[in-house]
């Protein structure tokens, strides 16, 4: 079963890339572009496994959504995306109930790893047997993004890792 993510982001070019990348990484993504649309989803927030919130939205901030979700008592993992890495914003995001904070521009691979880490920590990750592939003496740990040959880790470039997968 795919982990379901609610993405709240107003930048269309970023939304398209994120949607594509997250779906390729096995996530089911629902996208909203305003605070109003996000607040309309609050009654069904428990149907999602993770929230990705942009800090700056046309009708408010992601901090508002985070605070409302936490006031409901919902412990869903929340990851903030923002163009601002100023310490005051990072602190506000984490203090309002966020679990992680990623500054734009970011690497999609890193974002997906952070999402998987949050889901693992909250026990919501898909722990099926599809996270490890074996072929002869080679073992590929997809969750850990590592390759073992006869039990020893291989130091691979990202291109080599993708090829072996």
C-alpha atoms as a PDB file:
ATOM      1  CA  UNK A   1       0.000   0.000   0.000  1.00  0.00           C
ATOM      2  CA  UNK A   2       1.352   3.414  -0.985  1.00  0.00           C
ATOM      3  CA  UNK A   3       1.877   6.120   1.611  1.00  0.00           C
ATOM      4  CA  UNK A   4      -0.534   8.982   0.963  1.00  0.00           C
ATOM      5  CA  UNK A   5       0.903  12.503   1.001  1.00  0.00           C
ATOM      6  CA  UNK A   6      -0.954  15.818   1.075  1.00  0.00           C
ATOM      7  CA  UNK A   7       1.216  18.408  -0.687  1.00  0.00           C
ATOM      8  CA  UNK A   8       0.331  22.041  -0.036  1.00  0.00           C
ATOM      9  CA  UNK A   9       2.350  24.139  -2.502  1.00  0.00           C
ATOM     10  CA  UNK A  10       1.427  27.053  -4.790  1.00  0.00           C
ATOM     11  CA  UNK A  11       4.403  27.013  -7.194  1.00  0.00           C
ATOM     12  CA  UNK A  12       3.041  25.166 -10.251  1.00  0.00           C
ATOM     13  CA  UNK A  13       6.465  24.322 -11.729  1.00  0.00           C
ATOM     14  CA  UNK A  14       7.602  22.852  -8.399  1.00  0.00           C
ATOM     15  CA  UNK A  15       4.301  20.981  -7.935  1.00  0.00           C
ATOM     16  CA  UNK A  16       4.650  19.231 -11.297  1.00  0.00           C
ATOM     17  CA  UNK A  17       8.190  18.042 -10.574  1.00  0.00           C
ATOM     18  CA  UNK A  18       7.376  17.003  -7.008  1.00  0.00           C
ATOM     19  CA  UNK A  19       4.233  15.164  -8.046  1.00  0.00           C
ATOM     20  CA  UNK A  20       6.123  13.235 -10.726  1.00  0.00           C
ATOM     21  CA  UNK A  21       9.074  12.403  -8.478  1.00  0.00           C
ATOM     22  CA  UNK A  22       6.993  11.415  -5.448  1.00  0.00           C
ATOM     23  CA  UNK A  23       4.767   9.152  -7.542  1.00  0.00           C
ATOM     24  CA  UNK A  24       7.853   7.510  -9.097  1.00  0.00           C
ATOM     25  CA  UNK A  25       9.078   6.857  -5.557  1.00  0.00           C
ATOM     26  CA  UNK A  26       5.864   5.020  -4.688  1.00  0.00           C
ATOM     27  CA  UNK A  27       3.887   7.756  -2.941  1.00  0.00           C
ATOM     28  CA  UNK A  28       0.244   8.623  -3.593  1.00  0.00           C
ATOM     29  CA  UNK A  29       0.081  12.433  -3.791  1.00  0.00           C
ATOM     30  CA  UNK A  30      -2.846  14.816  -3.413  1.00  0.00           C
ATOM     31  CA  UNK A  31      -2.116  18.462  -4.153  1.00  0.00           C
ATOM     32  CA  UNK A  32      -3.725  21.635  -2.846  1.00  0.00           C
ATOM     33  CA  UNK A  33      -2.505  25.164  -3.552  1.00  0.00           C
ATOM     34  CA  UNK A  34      -4.085  27.345  -0.857  1.00  0.00           C
ATOM     35  CA  UNK A  35      -4.646  27.452   2.894  1.00  0.00           C
ATOM     36  CA  UNK A  36      -8.399  27.391   2.247  1.00  0.00           C
ATOM     37  CA  UNK A  37      -8.185  24.135   0.270  1.00  0.00           C
ATOM     38  CA  UNK A  38      -5.913  22.617   2.911  1.00  0.00           C
ATOM     39  CA  UNK A  39      -8.290  23.575   5.729  1.00  0.00           C
ATOM     40  CA  UNK A  40     -11.138  21.903   3.811  1.00  0.00           C
ATOM     41  CA  UNK A  41      -9.137  18.658   4.045  1.00  0.00           C
ATOM     42  CA  UNK A  42      -8.618  18.888   7.828  1.00  0.00           C
ATOM     43  CA  UNK A  43     -11.662  16.753   8.715  1.00  0.00           C
ATOM     44  CA  UNK A  44     -10.103  13.935   6.639  1.00  0.00           C
ATOM     45  CA  UNK A  45      -6.479  14.587   7.630  1.00  0.00           C
ATOM     46  CA  UNK A  46      -6.171  11.097   9.117  1.00  0.00           C
ATOM     47  CA  UNK A  47      -6.494   9.611   5.622  1.00  0.00           C
ATOM     48  CA  UNK A  48      -3.000  10.967   4.856  1.00  0.00           C
ATOM     49  CA  UNK A  49       0.319   9.557   6.069  1.00  0.00           C
ATOM     50  CA  UNK A  50       2.335  12.782   5.731  1.00  0.00           C
ATOM     51  CA  UNK A  51       1.889  16.505   5.035  1.00  0.00           C
ATOM     52  CA  UNK A  52       4.315  18.581   2.987  1.00  0.00           C
ATOM     53  CA  UNK A  53       3.661  22.267   3.621  1.00  0.00           C
ATOM     54  CA  UNK A  54       5.032  25.267   1.777  1.00  0.00           C
ATOM     55  CA  UNK A  55       5.601  28.066   4.274  1.00  0.00           C
ATOM     56  CA  UNK A  56       4.489  30.923   1.992  1.00  0.00           C
ATOM     57  CA  UNK A  57       1.102  30.466   0.359  1.00  0.00           C
ATOM     58  CA  UNK A  58      -1.127  33.048  -1.384  1.00  0.00           C
ATOM     59  CA  UNK A  59      -3.636  33.177   1.474  1.00  0.00           C
ATOM     60  CA  UNK A  60      -1.445  32.557   4.539  1.00  0.00           C
ATOM     61  CA  UNK A  61       1.373  30.356   5.816  1.00  0.00           C
ATOM     62  CA  UNK A  62       1.966  26.653   6.242  1.00  0.00           C
ATOM     63  CA  UNK A  63       2.552  27.365   9.939  1.00  0.00           C
ATOM     64  CA  UNK A  64      -1.193  28.021  10.305  1.00  0.00           C
ATOM     65  CA  UNK A  65      -2.101  24.631   8.851  1.00  0.00           C
ATOM     66  CA  UNK A  66       0.487  22.874  11.013  1.00  0.00           C
ATOM     67  CA  UNK A  67      -0.837  24.513  14.186  1.00  0.00           C
ATOM     68  CA  UNK A  68      -4.455  23.596  13.337  1.00  0.00           C
ATOM     69  CA  UNK A  69      -3.498  19.979  12.603  1.00  0.00           C
ATOM     70  CA  UNK A  70      -1.653  19.724  15.940  1.00  0.00           C
ATOM     71  CA  UNK A  71      -4.565  21.369  17.831  1.00  0.00           C
ATOM     72  CA  UNK A  72      -6.770  18.542  16.511  1.00  0.00           C
ATOM     73  CA  UNK A  73      -4.401  16.145  18.260  1.00  0.00           C
ATOM     74  CA  UNK A  74      -3.248  14.634  14.969  1.00  0.00           C
ATOM     75  CA  UNK A  75       0.338  13.338  15.053  1.00  0.00           C
ATOM     76  CA  UNK A  76       0.777  13.032  11.270  1.00  0.00           C
ATOM     77  CA  UNK A  77       4.367  13.774  10.201  1.00  0.00           C
ATOM     78  CA  UNK A  78       4.745  17.299   8.786  1.00  0.00           C
ATOM     79  CA  UNK A  79       7.584  18.437   6.550  1.00  0.00           C
ATOM     80  CA  UNK A  80       8.010  22.120   5.646  1.00  0.00           C
ATOM     81  CA  UNK A  81       9.309  23.305   2.262  1.00  0.00           C
ATOM     82  CA  UNK A  82      10.472  26.876   1.988  1.00  0.00           C
ATOM     83  CA  UNK A  83      12.716  29.258   0.108  1.00  0.00           C
ATOM     84  CA  UNK A  84      13.726  30.863   3.406  1.00  0.00           C
ATOM     85  CA  UNK A  85      16.355  29.188   5.542  1.00  0.00           C
ATOM     86  CA  UNK A  86      16.417  31.988   8.096  1.00  0.00           C
ATOM     87  CA  UNK A  87      16.740  30.517  11.560  1.00  0.00           C
ATOM     88  CA  UNK A  88      13.586  32.273  12.788  1.00  0.00           C
ATOM     89  CA  UNK A  89      11.488  30.459  10.148  1.00  0.00           C
ATOM     90  CA  UNK A  90      13.090  27.089  10.852  1.00  0.00           C
ATOM     91  CA  UNK A  91      12.404  27.555  14.568  1.00  0.00           C
ATOM     92  CA  UNK A  92       8.819  28.674  13.927  1.00  0.00           C
ATOM     93  CA  UNK A  93       8.189  25.660  11.689  1.00  0.00           C
ATOM     94  CA  UNK A  94       9.522  23.181  14.214  1.00  0.00           C
ATOM     95  CA  UNK A  95       7.902  24.934  17.199  1.00  0.00           C
ATOM     96  CA  UNK A  96       4.506  24.985  15.464  1.00  0.00           C
ATOM     97  CA  UNK A  97       4.646  21.186  15.306  1.00  0.00           C
ATOM     98  CA  UNK A  98       6.651  20.438  12.162  1.00  0.00           C
ATOM     99  CA  UNK A  99       8.915  17.396  12.087  1.00  0.00           C
ATOM    100  CA  UNK A 100      11.392  18.444   9.404  1.00  0.00           C
ATOM    101  CA  UNK A 101      12.315  21.461   7.313  1.00  0.00           C
ATOM    102  CA  UNK A 102      13.726  21.449   3.755  1.00  0.00           C
ATOM    103  CA  UNK A 103      14.996  24.609   2.058  1.00  0.00           C
ATOM    104  CA  UNK A 104      14.428  25.253  -1.652  1.00  0.00           C
ATOM    105  CA  UNK A 105      16.172  24.475  -3.900  1.00  0.00           C
ATOM    106  CA  UNK A 106      16.528  20.892  -2.718  1.00  0.00           C
ATOM    107  CA  UNK A 107      17.511  17.572  -4.226  1.00  0.00           C
ATOM    108  CA  UNK A 108      14.511  15.335  -4.913  1.00  0.00           C
ATOM    109  CA  UNK A 109      16.394  12.232  -3.749  1.00  0.00           C
ATOM    110  CA  UNK A 110      17.114  13.859  -0.399  1.00  0.00           C
ATOM    111  CA  UNK A 111      13.485  14.943  -0.024  1.00  0.00           C
ATOM    112  CA  UNK A 112      12.267  11.381  -0.699  1.00  0.00           C
ATOM    113  CA  UNK A 113      14.760  10.018   1.841  1.00  0.00           C
ATOM    114  CA  UNK A 114      13.568  12.505   4.452  1.00  0.00           C
ATOM    115  CA  UNK A 115       9.951  11.500   3.747  1.00  0.00           C
ATOM    116  CA  UNK A 116      10.804   7.802   4.144  1.00  0.00           C
ATOM    117  CA  UNK A 117      12.685   8.569   7.378  1.00  0.00           C
ATOM    118  CA  UNK A 118       9.692  10.451   8.803  1.00  0.00           C
ATOM    119  CA  UNK A 119       7.352   7.628   7.841  1.00  0.00           C
ATOM    120  CA  UNK A 120       9.700   5.052   9.394  1.00  0.00           C
ATOM    121  CA  UNK A 121       9.950   7.004  12.649  1.00  0.00           C
ATOM    122  CA  UNK A 122       6.179   7.199  12.886  1.00  0.00           C
ATOM    123  CA  UNK A 123       5.704   3.566  11.900  1.00  0.00           C
ATOM    124  CA  UNK A 124       3.808   4.443   8.732  1.00  0.00           C
ATOM    125  CA  UNK A 125       6.271   3.280   6.102  1.00  0.00           C
ATOM    126  CA  UNK A 126       5.474   0.478   3.736  1.00  0.00           C
ATOM    127  CA  UNK A 127       7.565  -2.304   5.244  1.00  0.00           C
ATOM    128  CA  UNK A 128       6.846  -4.829   2.518  1.00  0.00           C
ATOM    129  CA  UNK A 129       9.447  -7.194   1.168  1.00  0.00           C
ATOM    130  CA  UNK A 130       9.804  -4.937  -1.886  1.00  0.00           C
ATOM    131  CA  UNK A 131      12.448  -2.860  -0.102  1.00  0.00           C
ATOM    132  CA  UNK A 132      15.247  -5.383  -0.720  1.00  0.00           C
ATOM    133  CA  UNK A 133      16.288  -6.964  -4.016  1.00  0.00           C
ATOM    134  CA  UNK A 134      18.696  -9.879  -4.280  1.00  0.00           C
ATOM    135  CA  UNK A 135      20.527 -11.298  -7.273  1.00  0.00           C
ATOM    136  CA  UNK A 136      23.259 -13.823  -6.593  1.00  0.00           C
ATOM    137  CA  UNK A 137      25.807 -12.228  -4.254  1.00  0.00           C
ATOM    138  CA  UNK A 138      24.324  -8.753  -4.689  1.00  0.00           C
ATOM    139  CA  UNK A 139      21.771  -7.325  -2.240  1.00  0.00           C
ATOM    140  CA  UNK A 140      20.147  -3.939  -2.921  1.00  0.00           C
ATOM    141  CA  UNK A 141      18.566  -2.191   0.063  1.00  0.00           C
ATOM    142  CA  UNK A 142      16.159   0.241  -1.634  1.00  0.00           C
ATOM    143  CA  UNK A 143      15.090   1.872   1.634  1.00  0.00           C
ATOM    144  CA  UNK A 144      18.678   2.488   2.695  1.00  0.00           C
ATOM    145  CA  UNK A 145      19.871   3.278  -0.854  1.00  0.00           C
ATOM    146  CA  UNK A 146      22.846   0.946  -0.532  1.00  0.00           C
ATOM    147  CA  UNK A 147      24.255  -2.092  -2.314  1.00  0.00           C
ATOM    148  CA  UNK A 148      26.025  -5.027  -0.692  1.00  0.00           C
ATOM    149  CA  UNK A 149      28.299  -7.493  -2.496  1.00  0.00           C
ATOM    150  CA  UNK A 150      28.858 -10.658  -0.443  1.00  0.00           C
ATOM    151  CA  UNK A 151      27.786  -8.688   2.630  1.00  0.00           C
ATOM    152  CA  UNK A 152      30.185  -5.782   2.088  1.00  0.00           C
ATOM    153  CA  UNK A 153      28.905  -2.309   1.224  1.00  0.00           C
ATOM    154  CA  UNK A 154      29.826  -0.914  -2.180  1.00  0.00           C
ATOM    155  CA  UNK A 155      30.739   2.748  -2.595  1.00  0.00           C
ATOM    156  CA  UNK A 156      28.737   3.694  -5.708  1.00  0.00           C
ATOM    157  CA  UNK A 157      27.982   6.961  -7.454  1.00  0.00           C
ATOM    158  CA  UNK A 158      24.302   7.814  -7.782  1.00  0.00           C
ATOM    159  CA  UNK A 159      24.444   6.889 -11.490  1.00  0.00           C
ATOM    160  CA  UNK A 160      25.977   3.494 -10.691  1.00  0.00           C
ATOM    161  CA  UNK A 161      23.347   2.900  -7.990  1.00  0.00           C
ATOM    162  CA  UNK A 162      20.514   3.701 -10.411  1.00  0.00           C
ATOM    163  CA  UNK A 163      22.012   1.413 -13.052  1.00  0.00           C
ATOM    164  CA  UNK A 164      22.377  -1.516 -10.689  1.00  0.00           C
ATOM    165  CA  UNK A 165      18.802  -1.059  -9.489  1.00  0.00           C
END
